[in-house]
Amino acid sequence: MIKTDHRELERLFEMMKKERSSRPLALPLAVAMLEAHSRAEEECVYPALAEEAGEKDEVRHATEEHHEAEHLGKHLLELDWESAEFDRELEKWVDAVRHHVQEEEEELLPVLSRTFDAERLQRLGLEFAGQRSEELAGTAVGDGTGDGQGSGRRGGEGPTRAELYEKARKLGVEGRSSMNKDELERQVQEAEEGAGAG
């Protein structure tokens, strides 16, 4: 699923480079897709890589690259599709994303394959796909209503998996990196109730 997204982004990049008329539709789609993909990796895949595979530095670096790529993509949304500036900024964005994809596919994804068995990989893949779909369903790129805070949370939805994961870490919940959002929520609640009772 992760590599499928990478190939789809590549297709959109090529389309925008070759056909300027595709940009008004292809760019918002690519920006939304990249953002949903990044959030899903950060919430479902990266915690497992950091905690269980010992790839904390690589995960930190990859997360920084996500933020840089998202910033460049959102900047493009503000530019004139036909301008030379757009062409230059598009090239920067594409280069940043391609660099990240290459590192991820050559370094992080092989670690996943070596560290986890097929069942765990399938579970991570399903969690990634579910989170990605959730993110895409709530993405409104370029509507001008964003507050620029990048909280990653839509109104009334409660904490994200990443926030729950961090709470679980602080509470000493074991096995947290293999839990989905609902399981984390349950374990955090139980741990907090246990701490309150003690």
N, C-alpha and C. Protein backbone atom coordinates (compact mmCIF):
# COMPACT_ATOMS: atom_id res chain seq x y z
N MET A 1 0.83 -1.21 0.00
CA MET A 1 0.00 0.00 0.00
C MET A 1 0.87 1.27 0.00
N ILE A 2 1.93 1.26 0.79
CA ILE A 2 2.81 2.43 0.85
C ILE A 2 3.45 2.67 -0.51
N LYS A 3 3.97 1.60 -1.12
CA LYS A 3 4.60 1.75 -2.44
C LYS A 3 3.57 2.11 -3.51
N THR A 4 2.36 1.62 -3.37
CA THR A 4 1.30 1.97 -4.33
C THR A 4 1.05 3.48 -4.31
N ASP A 5 0.99 4.05 -3.11
CA ASP A 5 0.84 5.51 -2.99
C ASP A 5 2.01 6.24 -3.64
N HIS A 6 3.21 5.74 -3.42
CA HIS A 6 4.39 6.37 -4.01
C HIS A 6 4.28 6.40 -5.53
N ARG A 7 3.84 5.29 -6.13
CA ARG A 7 3.72 5.24 -7.59
C ARG A 7 2.62 6.18 -8.09
N GLU A 8 1.53 6.27 -7.32
CA GLU A 8 0.43 7.17 -7.72
C GLU A 8 0.87 8.63 -7.65
N LEU A 9 1.61 8.99 -6.62
CA LEU A 9 2.15 10.35 -6.52
C LEU A 9 3.07 10.65 -7.70
N GLU A 10 3.89 9.69 -8.06
CA GLU A 10 4.79 9.85 -9.20
C GLU A 10 4.00 10.11 -10.49
N ARG A 11 2.90 9.38 -10.63
CA ARG A 11 2.05 9.56 -11.82
C ARG A 11 1.47 10.98 -11.86
N LEU A 12 1.02 11.46 -10.71
CA LEU A 12 0.47 12.82 -10.64
C LEU A 12 1.54 13.87 -10.91
N PHE A 13 2.75 13.64 -10.40
CA PHE A 13 3.85 14.57 -10.66
C PHE A 13 4.12 14.69 -12.15
N GLU A 14 4.22 13.55 -12.81
CA GLU A 14 4.51 13.55 -14.26
C GLU A 14 3.39 14.24 -15.03
N MET A 15 2.16 13.99 -14.62
CA MET A 15 1.02 14.62 -15.27
C MET A 15 1.11 16.15 -15.16
N MET A 16 1.42 16.65 -13.96
CA MET A 16 1.50 18.10 -13.75
C MET A 16 2.65 18.72 -14.53
N LYS A 17 3.74 17.98 -14.68
CA LYS A 17 4.87 18.51 -15.44
C LYS A 17 4.56 18.59 -16.93
N LYS A 18 3.87 17.57 -17.44
CA LYS A 18 3.64 17.49 -18.88
C LYS A 18 2.40 18.26 -19.33
N GLU A 19 1.36 18.28 -18.50
CA GLU A 19 0.09 18.90 -18.89
C GLU A 19 -0.30 19.97 -17.87
N ARG A 20 -0.01 21.21 -18.20
CA ARG A 20 -0.35 22.30 -17.27
C ARG A 20 -1.84 22.33 -16.95
N SER A 21 -2.66 21.95 -17.93
CA SER A 21 -4.11 22.00 -17.72
C SER A 21 -4.56 21.03 -16.63
N SER A 22 -3.72 20.04 -16.28
CA SER A 22 -4.10 19.06 -15.25
C SER A 22 -3.87 19.61 -13.84
N ARG A 23 -3.10 20.68 -13.73
CA ARG A 23 -2.66 21.15 -12.41
C ARG A 23 -3.78 21.53 -11.44
N PRO A 24 -4.83 22.24 -11.90
CA PRO A 24 -5.87 22.62 -10.94
C PRO A 24 -6.53 21.43 -10.24
N LEU A 25 -6.57 20.28 -10.90
CA LEU A 25 -7.15 19.09 -10.27
C LEU A 25 -6.08 18.19 -9.65
N ALA A 26 -4.98 18.01 -10.36
CA ALA A 26 -3.95 17.06 -9.91
C ALA A 26 -3.21 17.55 -8.66
N LEU A 27 -2.95 18.85 -8.57
CA LEU A 27 -2.18 19.34 -7.42
C LEU A 27 -2.92 19.17 -6.09
N PRO A 28 -4.17 19.64 -5.96
CA PRO A 28 -4.85 19.43 -4.68
C PRO A 28 -4.97 17.95 -4.32
N LEU A 29 -5.16 17.11 -5.34
CA LEU A 29 -5.24 15.67 -5.09
C LEU A 29 -3.91 15.14 -4.56
N ALA A 30 -2.81 15.54 -5.20
CA ALA A 30 -1.48 15.07 -4.78
C ALA A 30 -1.15 15.58 -3.37
N VAL A 31 -1.48 16.83 -3.08
CA VAL A 31 -1.19 17.40 -1.75
C VAL A 31 -2.00 16.65 -0.68
N ALA A 32 -3.29 16.43 -0.94
CA ALA A 32 -4.14 15.71 0.02
C ALA A 32 -3.66 14.28 0.21
N MET A 33 -3.29 13.65 -0.90
CA MET A 33 -2.84 12.26 -0.84
C MET A 33 -1.53 12.14 -0.04
N LEU A 34 -0.61 13.07 -0.30
CA LEU A 34 0.67 13.05 0.42
C LEU A 34 0.45 13.26 1.92
N GLU A 35 -0.43 14.20 2.26
CA GLU A 35 -0.69 14.49 3.67
C GLU A 35 -1.32 13.28 4.37
N ALA A 36 -2.31 12.66 3.72
CA ALA A 36 -2.96 11.48 4.32
C ALA A 36 -1.97 10.33 4.46
N HIS A 37 -1.17 10.14 3.44
CA HIS A 37 -0.14 9.08 3.44
C HIS A 37 0.85 9.32 4.59
N SER A 38 1.30 10.55 4.73
CA SER A 38 2.28 10.89 5.78
C SER A 38 1.70 10.67 7.17
N ARG A 39 0.45 11.17 7.40
CA ARG A 39 -0.16 10.99 8.71
C ARG A 39 -0.33 9.52 9.04
N ALA A 40 -0.75 8.73 8.05
CA ALA A 40 -0.96 7.29 8.29
C ALA A 40 0.35 6.60 8.63
N GLU A 41 1.42 6.97 7.95
CA GLU A 41 2.73 6.39 8.27
C GLU A 41 3.15 6.79 9.69
N GLU A 42 2.96 8.06 10.02
CA GLU A 42 3.39 8.57 11.32
C GLU A 42 2.58 7.96 12.47
N GLU A 43 1.32 7.64 12.21
CA GLU A 43 0.48 7.10 13.28
C GLU A 43 0.51 5.58 13.37
N CYS A 44 0.72 4.90 12.24
CA CYS A 44 0.61 3.44 12.25
C CYS A 44 1.92 2.69 12.02
N VAL A 45 2.77 3.20 11.16
CA VAL A 45 3.97 2.46 10.77
C VAL A 45 5.21 2.93 11.54
N TYR A 46 5.40 4.23 11.60
CA TYR A 46 6.62 4.76 12.22
C TYR A 46 6.77 4.40 13.70
N PRO A 47 5.69 4.38 14.51
CA PRO A 47 5.88 3.98 15.91
C PRO A 47 6.45 2.57 16.04
N ALA A 48 5.98 1.66 15.18
CA ALA A 48 6.50 0.28 15.22
C ALA A 48 7.97 0.26 14.83
N LEU A 49 8.32 1.04 13.81
CA LEU A 49 9.73 1.10 13.38
C LEU A 49 10.62 1.69 14.47
N ALA A 50 10.12 2.73 15.13
CA ALA A 50 10.93 3.40 16.16
C ALA A 50 11.09 2.53 17.40
N GLU A 51 9.98 1.98 17.89
CA GLU A 51 10.00 1.27 19.17
C GLU A 51 10.50 -0.16 19.06
N GLU A 52 10.07 -0.87 18.02
CA GLU A 52 10.40 -2.30 17.95
C GLU A 52 11.59 -2.61 17.06
N ALA A 53 11.85 -1.74 16.08
CA ALA A 53 12.97 -2.00 15.17
C ALA A 53 14.16 -1.10 15.48
N GLY A 54 14.01 -0.23 16.48
CA GLY A 54 15.13 0.62 16.89
C GLY A 54 15.54 1.67 15.88
N GLU A 55 14.59 2.12 15.07
CA GLU A 55 14.90 3.09 14.00
C GLU A 55 14.45 4.51 14.37
N LYS A 56 14.66 4.90 15.62
CA LYS A 56 14.17 6.21 16.08
C LYS A 56 14.73 7.38 15.28
N ASP A 57 16.03 7.36 15.00
CA ASP A 57 16.64 8.46 14.25
C ASP A 57 16.11 8.53 12.82
N GLU A 58 15.99 7.37 12.18
CA GLU A 58 15.47 7.34 10.81
C GLU A 58 14.02 7.82 10.76
N VAL A 59 13.24 7.41 11.75
CA VAL A 59 11.83 7.82 11.81
C VAL A 59 11.73 9.33 12.03
N ARG A 60 12.58 9.87 12.90
CA ARG A 60 12.58 11.32 13.13
C ARG A 60 12.92 12.06 11.83
N HIS A 61 13.93 11.57 11.13
CA HIS A 61 14.34 12.17 9.86
C HIS A 61 13.22 12.09 8.83
N ALA A 62 12.58 10.93 8.73
CA ALA A 62 11.49 10.75 7.76
C ALA A 62 10.31 11.67 8.08
N THR A 63 10.02 11.85 9.36
CA THR A 63 8.92 12.73 9.77
C THR A 63 9.24 14.18 9.39
N GLU A 64 10.48 14.59 9.59
CA GLU A 64 10.89 15.95 9.18
C GLU A 64 10.73 16.12 7.67
N GLU A 65 11.07 15.09 6.91
CA GLU A 65 10.91 15.16 5.45
C GLU A 65 9.43 15.26 5.07
N HIS A 66 8.57 14.57 5.79
CA HIS A 66 7.12 14.70 5.55
C HIS A 66 6.70 16.16 5.70
N HIS A 67 7.11 16.77 6.80
CA HIS A 67 6.70 18.15 7.08
C HIS A 67 7.21 19.11 6.02
N GLU A 68 8.45 18.91 5.59
CA GLU A 68 9.01 19.76 4.54
C GLU A 68 8.22 19.60 3.24
N ALA A 69 7.93 18.36 2.87
CA ALA A 69 7.20 18.10 1.62
C ALA A 69 5.79 18.67 1.68
N GLU A 70 5.13 18.54 2.83
CA GLU A 70 3.78 19.08 2.97
C GLU A 70 3.80 20.60 2.85
N HIS A 71 4.79 21.23 3.45
CA HIS A 71 4.92 22.69 3.38
C HIS A 71 5.09 23.14 1.93
N LEU A 72 5.97 22.47 1.20
CA LEU A 72 6.21 22.82 -0.21
C LEU A 72 4.95 22.62 -1.04
N GLY A 73 4.23 21.54 -0.79
CA GLY A 73 2.99 21.27 -1.53
C GLY A 73 1.93 22.33 -1.28
N LYS A 74 1.77 22.72 -0.02
CA LYS A 74 0.77 23.74 0.31
C LYS A 74 1.15 25.10 -0.29
N HIS A 75 2.45 25.38 -0.34
CA HIS A 75 2.91 26.63 -0.97
C HIS A 75 2.51 26.65 -2.45
N LEU A 76 2.62 25.53 -3.12
CA LEU A 76 2.25 25.45 -4.54
C LEU A 76 0.78 25.80 -4.76
N LEU A 77 -0.06 25.45 -3.80
CA LEU A 77 -1.50 25.73 -3.94
C LEU A 77 -1.79 27.22 -4.02
N GLU A 78 -0.86 28.04 -3.53
CA GLU A 78 -1.05 29.50 -3.51
C GLU A 78 -0.55 30.17 -4.79
N LEU A 79 0.13 29.42 -5.65
CA LEU A 79 0.76 30.01 -6.84
C LEU A 79 -0.12 29.88 -8.08
N ASP A 80 0.19 30.71 -9.07
CA ASP A 80 -0.47 30.65 -10.38
C ASP A 80 0.03 29.40 -11.11
N TRP A 81 -0.90 28.52 -11.49
CA TRP A 81 -0.56 27.25 -12.14
C TRP A 81 0.32 27.44 -13.39
N GLU A 82 0.13 28.59 -14.06
CA GLU A 82 0.80 28.82 -15.35
C GLU A 82 2.17 29.50 -15.21
N SER A 83 2.53 29.90 -14.01
CA SER A 83 3.73 30.74 -13.83
C SER A 83 5.03 29.93 -13.84
N ALA A 84 6.11 30.65 -14.16
CA ALA A 84 7.45 30.04 -14.10
C ALA A 84 7.80 29.70 -12.65
N GLU A 85 7.30 30.52 -11.71
CA GLU A 85 7.55 30.24 -10.29
C GLU A 85 6.94 28.90 -9.90
N PHE A 86 5.73 28.64 -10.41
CA PHE A 86 5.09 27.35 -10.12
C PHE A 86 5.96 26.20 -10.63
N ASP A 87 6.47 26.35 -11.86
CA ASP A 87 7.33 25.30 -12.43
C ASP A 87 8.54 25.03 -11.53
N ARG A 88 9.17 26.11 -11.06
CA ARG A 88 10.36 25.96 -10.19
C ARG A 88 10.00 25.29 -8.87
N GLU A 89 8.91 25.76 -8.26
CA GLU A 89 8.50 25.22 -6.96
C GLU A 89 8.00 23.77 -7.09
N LEU A 90 7.36 23.47 -8.22
CA LEU A 90 6.92 22.09 -8.46
C LEU A 90 8.13 21.17 -8.52
N GLU A 91 9.17 21.62 -9.19
CA GLU A 91 10.40 20.82 -9.30
C GLU A 91 11.00 20.57 -7.91
N LYS A 92 11.01 21.62 -7.07
CA LYS A 92 11.53 21.47 -5.69
C LYS A 92 10.72 20.44 -4.91
N TRP A 93 9.40 20.55 -5.04
CA TRP A 93 8.50 19.66 -4.31
C TRP A 93 8.70 18.21 -4.75
N VAL A 94 8.70 18.02 -6.07
CA VAL A 94 8.87 16.68 -6.62
C VAL A 94 10.20 16.08 -6.17
N ASP A 95 11.27 16.88 -6.20
CA ASP A 95 12.58 16.40 -5.76
C ASP A 95 12.56 15.99 -4.29
N ALA A 96 11.91 16.81 -3.45
CA ALA A 96 11.85 16.51 -2.01
C ALA A 96 11.09 15.20 -1.76
N VAL A 97 9.96 15.04 -2.45
CA VAL A 97 9.16 13.82 -2.26
C VAL A 97 9.91 12.60 -2.79
N ARG A 98 10.52 12.74 -3.96
CA ARG A 98 11.27 11.60 -4.54
C ARG A 98 12.43 11.18 -3.63
N HIS A 99 13.11 12.16 -3.06
CA HIS A 99 14.21 11.86 -2.14
C HIS A 99 13.69 11.05 -0.94
N HIS A 100 12.57 11.51 -0.38
CA HIS A 100 11.98 10.83 0.77
C HIS A 100 11.55 9.40 0.40
N VAL A 101 10.89 9.27 -0.75
CA VAL A 101 10.41 7.96 -1.20
C VAL A 101 11.58 7.00 -1.37
N GLN A 102 12.65 7.48 -1.98
CA GLN A 102 13.82 6.63 -2.20
C GLN A 102 14.40 6.14 -0.87
N GLU A 103 14.56 7.06 0.08
CA GLU A 103 15.09 6.66 1.40
C GLU A 103 14.17 5.67 2.08
N GLU A 104 12.88 5.94 2.01
CA GLU A 104 11.91 5.08 2.68
C GLU A 104 11.93 3.67 2.07
N GLU A 105 11.94 3.60 0.74
CA GLU A 105 11.88 2.30 0.08
C GLU A 105 13.20 1.53 0.18
N GLU A 106 14.30 2.24 0.29
CA GLU A 106 15.60 1.56 0.36
C GLU A 106 16.06 1.28 1.78
N GLU A 107 15.55 2.06 2.75
CA GLU A 107 16.02 1.90 4.13
C GLU A 107 14.94 1.44 5.11
N LEU A 108 13.82 2.16 5.18
CA LEU A 108 12.82 1.84 6.20
C LEU A 108 11.97 0.62 5.87
N LEU A 109 11.47 0.53 4.65
CA LEU A 109 10.59 -0.60 4.31
C LEU A 109 11.32 -1.95 4.41
N PRO A 110 12.59 -2.04 3.99
CA PRO A 110 13.29 -3.32 4.19
C PRO A 110 13.42 -3.69 5.68
N VAL A 111 13.55 -2.69 6.55
CA VAL A 111 13.62 -2.97 7.99
C VAL A 111 12.29 -3.57 8.46
N LEU A 112 11.18 -3.03 7.96
CA LEU A 112 9.87 -3.59 8.29
C LEU A 112 9.82 -5.06 7.93
N SER A 113 10.23 -5.37 6.69
CA SER A 113 10.19 -6.76 6.21
C SER A 113 11.07 -7.69 7.03
N ARG A 114 12.21 -7.19 7.47
CA ARG A 114 13.13 -8.03 8.26
C ARG A 114 12.67 -8.20 9.71
N THR A 115 11.98 -7.19 10.24
CA THR A 115 11.66 -7.18 11.67
C THR A 115 10.36 -7.91 12.00
N PHE A 116 9.37 -7.78 11.12
CA PHE A 116 8.03 -8.29 11.44
C PHE A 116 7.64 -9.47 10.57
N ASP A 117 6.84 -10.38 11.15
CA ASP A 117 6.37 -11.52 10.38
C ASP A 117 5.21 -11.09 9.47
N ALA A 118 4.78 -12.00 8.61
CA ALA A 118 3.77 -11.68 7.59
C ALA A 118 2.46 -11.20 8.22
N GLU A 119 2.07 -11.85 9.32
CA GLU A 119 0.81 -11.47 9.98
C GLU A 119 0.88 -10.03 10.50
N ARG A 120 1.99 -9.70 11.14
CA ARG A 120 2.15 -8.35 11.68
C ARG A 120 2.22 -7.31 10.56
N LEU A 121 2.92 -7.65 9.47
CA LEU A 121 3.00 -6.74 8.32
C LEU A 121 1.62 -6.49 7.74
N GLN A 122 0.82 -7.55 7.67
CA GLN A 122 -0.54 -7.39 7.14
C GLN A 122 -1.36 -6.48 8.05
N ARG A 123 -1.21 -6.66 9.35
CA ARG A 123 -1.95 -5.83 10.30
C ARG A 123 -1.53 -4.36 10.19
N LEU A 124 -0.21 -4.13 10.09
CA LEU A 124 0.28 -2.76 9.91
C LEU A 124 -0.25 -2.16 8.62
N GLY A 125 -0.29 -2.98 7.56
CA GLY A 125 -0.81 -2.51 6.28
C GLY A 125 -2.27 -2.12 6.36
N LEU A 126 -3.05 -2.93 7.06
CA LEU A 126 -4.48 -2.63 7.22
C LEU A 126 -4.69 -1.37 8.06
N GLU A 127 -3.90 -1.23 9.12
CA GLU A 127 -4.00 -0.02 9.95
C GLU A 127 -3.62 1.21 9.15
N PHE A 128 -2.55 1.09 8.37
CA PHE A 128 -2.12 2.19 7.51
C PHE A 128 -3.24 2.57 6.54
N ALA A 129 -3.82 1.58 5.88
CA ALA A 129 -4.88 1.84 4.89
C ALA A 129 -6.09 2.49 5.54
N GLY A 130 -6.47 2.01 6.72
CA GLY A 130 -7.61 2.58 7.42
C GLY A 130 -7.37 4.02 7.84
N GLN A 131 -6.19 4.28 8.39
CA GLN A 131 -5.85 5.65 8.82
C GLN A 131 -5.77 6.58 7.62
N ARG A 132 -5.18 6.10 6.54
CA ARG A 132 -5.04 6.89 5.31
C ARG A 132 -6.43 7.28 4.79
N SER A 133 -7.35 6.31 4.78
CA SER A 133 -8.71 6.59 4.31
C SER A 133 -9.40 7.61 5.20
N GLU A 134 -9.21 7.45 6.52
CA GLU A 134 -9.78 8.40 7.48
C GLU A 134 -9.25 9.81 7.22
N GLU A 135 -7.94 9.91 7.01
CA GLU A 135 -7.32 11.21 6.76
C GLU A 135 -7.83 11.81 5.45
N LEU A 136 -7.92 11.00 4.41
CA LEU A 136 -8.41 11.51 3.11
C LEU A 136 -9.85 11.98 3.21
N ALA A 137 -10.65 11.25 3.98
CA ALA A 137 -12.06 11.62 4.13
C ALA A 137 -12.22 12.98 4.81
N GLY A 138 -11.25 13.34 5.66
CA GLY A 138 -11.35 14.60 6.39
C GLY A 138 -10.46 15.69 5.85
N THR A 139 -9.83 15.47 4.69
CA THR A 139 -8.90 16.46 4.15
C THR A 139 -9.64 17.46 3.29
N ALA A 140 -9.41 18.73 3.59
CA ALA A 140 -9.96 19.81 2.76
C ALA A 140 -8.80 20.72 2.41
N VAL A 141 -8.03 20.33 1.43
CA VAL A 141 -6.82 21.06 1.06
C VAL A 141 -7.17 22.31 0.28
N GLY A 142 -6.55 23.41 0.66
CA GLY A 142 -6.68 24.63 -0.13
C GLY A 142 -8.02 25.32 -0.02
N ASP A 143 -8.80 25.04 1.04
CA ASP A 143 -10.10 25.71 1.15
C ASP A 143 -10.00 27.03 1.91
N GLY A 144 -8.79 27.34 2.37
CA GLY A 144 -8.58 28.63 3.02
C GLY A 144 -9.10 28.71 4.44
N THR A 145 -9.57 27.57 4.99
CA THR A 145 -10.13 27.62 6.34
C THR A 145 -9.16 27.15 7.40
N GLY A 146 -8.00 26.66 6.98
CA GLY A 146 -7.03 26.13 7.94
C GLY A 146 -6.49 27.23 8.83
N ASP A 147 -6.16 26.86 10.06
CA ASP A 147 -5.61 27.85 10.99
C ASP A 147 -4.08 27.82 11.00
N GLY A 148 -3.52 26.94 10.17
CA GLY A 148 -2.07 26.86 10.08
C GLY A 148 -1.42 26.18 11.26
N GLN A 149 -2.22 25.65 12.18
CA GLN A 149 -1.65 25.02 13.36
C GLN A 149 -1.27 23.57 13.13
N GLY A 150 -1.86 22.95 12.10
CA GLY A 150 -1.47 21.58 11.77
C GLY A 150 -1.68 20.61 12.91
N SER A 151 -2.82 20.69 13.59
CA SER A 151 -3.04 19.80 14.72
C SER A 151 -3.28 18.37 14.28
N GLY A 152 -3.68 18.19 13.01
CA GLY A 152 -3.94 16.85 12.53
C GLY A 152 -5.22 16.27 13.10
N ARG A 153 -6.05 17.09 13.69
CA ARG A 153 -7.29 16.61 14.28
C ARG A 153 -8.45 17.44 13.77
N ARG A 154 -9.53 16.76 13.44
CA ARG A 154 -10.72 17.47 13.00
C ARG A 154 -11.66 17.58 14.19
N GLY A 155 -12.51 18.59 14.19
CA GLY A 155 -13.35 18.89 15.34
C GLY A 155 -14.09 17.71 15.91
N GLY A 156 -14.01 17.52 17.22
CA GLY A 156 -14.81 16.53 17.91
C GLY A 156 -14.37 15.09 17.74
N GLU A 157 -13.20 14.83 17.19
CA GLU A 157 -12.80 13.46 16.95
C GLU A 157 -11.92 12.88 18.04
N GLY A 158 -11.58 13.64 19.04
CA GLY A 158 -10.74 13.13 20.10
C GLY A 158 -9.29 13.03 19.69
N PRO A 159 -8.47 12.40 20.54
CA PRO A 159 -7.03 12.34 20.27
C PRO A 159 -6.70 11.45 19.07
N THR A 160 -5.59 11.75 18.41
CA THR A 160 -5.12 10.92 17.30
C THR A 160 -4.42 9.69 17.87
N ARG A 161 -4.09 8.73 17.01
CA ARG A 161 -3.37 7.54 17.46
C ARG A 161 -2.00 7.94 18.02
N ALA A 162 -1.36 8.91 17.36
CA ALA A 162 -0.04 9.35 17.82
C ALA A 162 -0.12 9.92 19.24
N GLU A 163 -1.17 10.70 19.51
CA GLU A 163 -1.33 11.28 20.86
C GLU A 163 -1.60 10.18 21.89
N LEU A 164 -2.45 9.21 21.51
CA LEU A 164 -2.73 8.10 22.41
C LEU A 164 -1.48 7.27 22.65
N TYR A 165 -0.71 7.08 21.59
CA TYR A 165 0.53 6.31 21.71
C TYR A 165 1.48 6.97 22.70
N GLU A 166 1.59 8.29 22.61
CA GLU A 166 2.48 9.03 23.51
C GLU A 166 1.99 8.91 24.96
N LYS A 167 0.66 9.00 25.16
CA LYS A 167 0.10 8.83 26.51
C LYS A 167 0.41 7.43 27.03
N ALA A 168 0.23 6.44 26.16
CA ALA A 168 0.49 5.04 26.54
C ALA A 168 1.95 4.86 26.94
N ARG A 169 2.84 5.51 26.18
CA ARG A 169 4.27 5.42 26.49
C ARG A 169 4.55 5.99 27.88
N LYS A 170 3.96 7.16 28.16
CA LYS A 170 4.18 7.81 29.46
C LYS A 170 3.59 6.99 30.61
N LEU A 171 2.50 6.27 30.31
CA LEU A 171 1.85 5.46 31.33
C LEU A 171 2.48 4.07 31.45
N GLY A 172 3.44 3.78 30.58
CA GLY A 172 4.13 2.48 30.63
C GLY A 172 3.32 1.32 30.10
N VAL A 173 2.38 1.59 29.20
CA VAL A 173 1.57 0.52 28.61
C VAL A 173 2.46 -0.34 27.71
N GLU A 174 2.49 -1.64 27.97
CA GLU A 174 3.34 -2.53 27.18
C GLU A 174 2.62 -2.99 25.93
N GLY A 175 3.39 -3.26 24.87
CA GLY A 175 2.82 -3.73 23.61
C GLY A 175 2.10 -2.66 22.82
N ARG A 176 2.33 -1.40 23.17
CA ARG A 176 1.58 -0.29 22.56
C ARG A 176 1.81 -0.14 21.06
N SER A 177 3.02 -0.46 20.59
CA SER A 177 3.30 -0.23 19.16
C SER A 177 2.52 -1.17 18.26
N SER A 178 2.02 -2.27 18.81
CA SER A 178 1.24 -3.20 17.98
C SER A 178 -0.27 -2.95 18.10
N MET A 179 -0.66 -1.95 18.89
CA MET A 179 -2.09 -1.67 19.11
C MET A 179 -2.63 -0.68 18.09
N ASN A 180 -3.90 -0.88 17.71
CA ASN A 180 -4.54 0.11 16.86
C ASN A 180 -5.09 1.23 17.75
N LYS A 181 -5.71 2.22 17.14
CA LYS A 181 -6.16 3.40 17.89
C LYS A 181 -7.16 3.03 18.99
N ASP A 182 -8.14 2.16 18.68
CA ASP A 182 -9.15 1.78 19.67
C ASP A 182 -8.52 1.04 20.86
N GLU A 183 -7.59 0.13 20.55
CA GLU A 183 -6.92 -0.61 21.62
C GLU A 183 -6.10 0.32 22.50
N LEU A 184 -5.40 1.26 21.87
CA LEU A 184 -4.62 2.24 22.63
C LEU A 184 -5.52 3.05 23.55
N GLU A 185 -6.66 3.48 22.99
CA GLU A 185 -7.59 4.30 23.77
C GLU A 185 -8.06 3.54 25.01
N ARG A 186 -8.41 2.26 24.80
CA ARG A 186 -8.88 1.42 25.90
C ARG A 186 -7.78 1.23 26.96
N GLN A 187 -6.57 0.91 26.50
CA GLN A 187 -5.46 0.67 27.43
C GLN A 187 -5.07 1.94 28.20
N VAL A 188 -5.08 3.08 27.51
CA VAL A 188 -4.77 4.35 28.16
C VAL A 188 -5.81 4.65 29.23
N GLN A 189 -7.08 4.44 28.88
CA GLN A 189 -8.16 4.70 29.83
C GLN A 189 -8.01 3.80 31.07
N GLU A 190 -7.73 2.51 30.83
CA GLU A 190 -7.55 1.58 31.95
C GLU A 190 -6.35 1.97 32.81
N ALA A 191 -5.26 2.35 32.16
CA ALA A 191 -4.05 2.74 32.89
C ALA A 191 -4.29 4.01 33.71
N GLU A 192 -5.03 4.96 33.13
CA GLU A 192 -5.33 6.20 33.85
C GLU A 192 -6.25 5.93 35.04
N GLU A 193 -7.24 5.04 34.84
CA GLU A 193 -8.14 4.69 35.94
C GLU A 193 -7.38 3.97 37.05
N GLY A 194 -6.46 3.08 36.64
CA GLY A 194 -5.64 2.36 37.61
C GLY A 194 -4.75 3.30 38.40
N ALA A 195 -4.19 4.29 37.72
CA ALA A 195 -3.32 5.28 38.38
C ALA A 195 -4.13 6.13 39.35
N GLY A 196 -5.36 6.45 38.95
CA GLY A 196 -6.23 7.27 39.80
C GLY A 196 -6.67 6.52 41.04
N ALA A 197 -6.86 5.19 40.89
CA ALA A 197 -7.32 4.38 42.02
C ALA A 197 -6.19 4.13 43.02
N GLY A 198 -4.92 4.22 42.50
CA GLY A 198 -3.79 3.92 43.39
C GLY A 198 -3.41 5.13 44.09
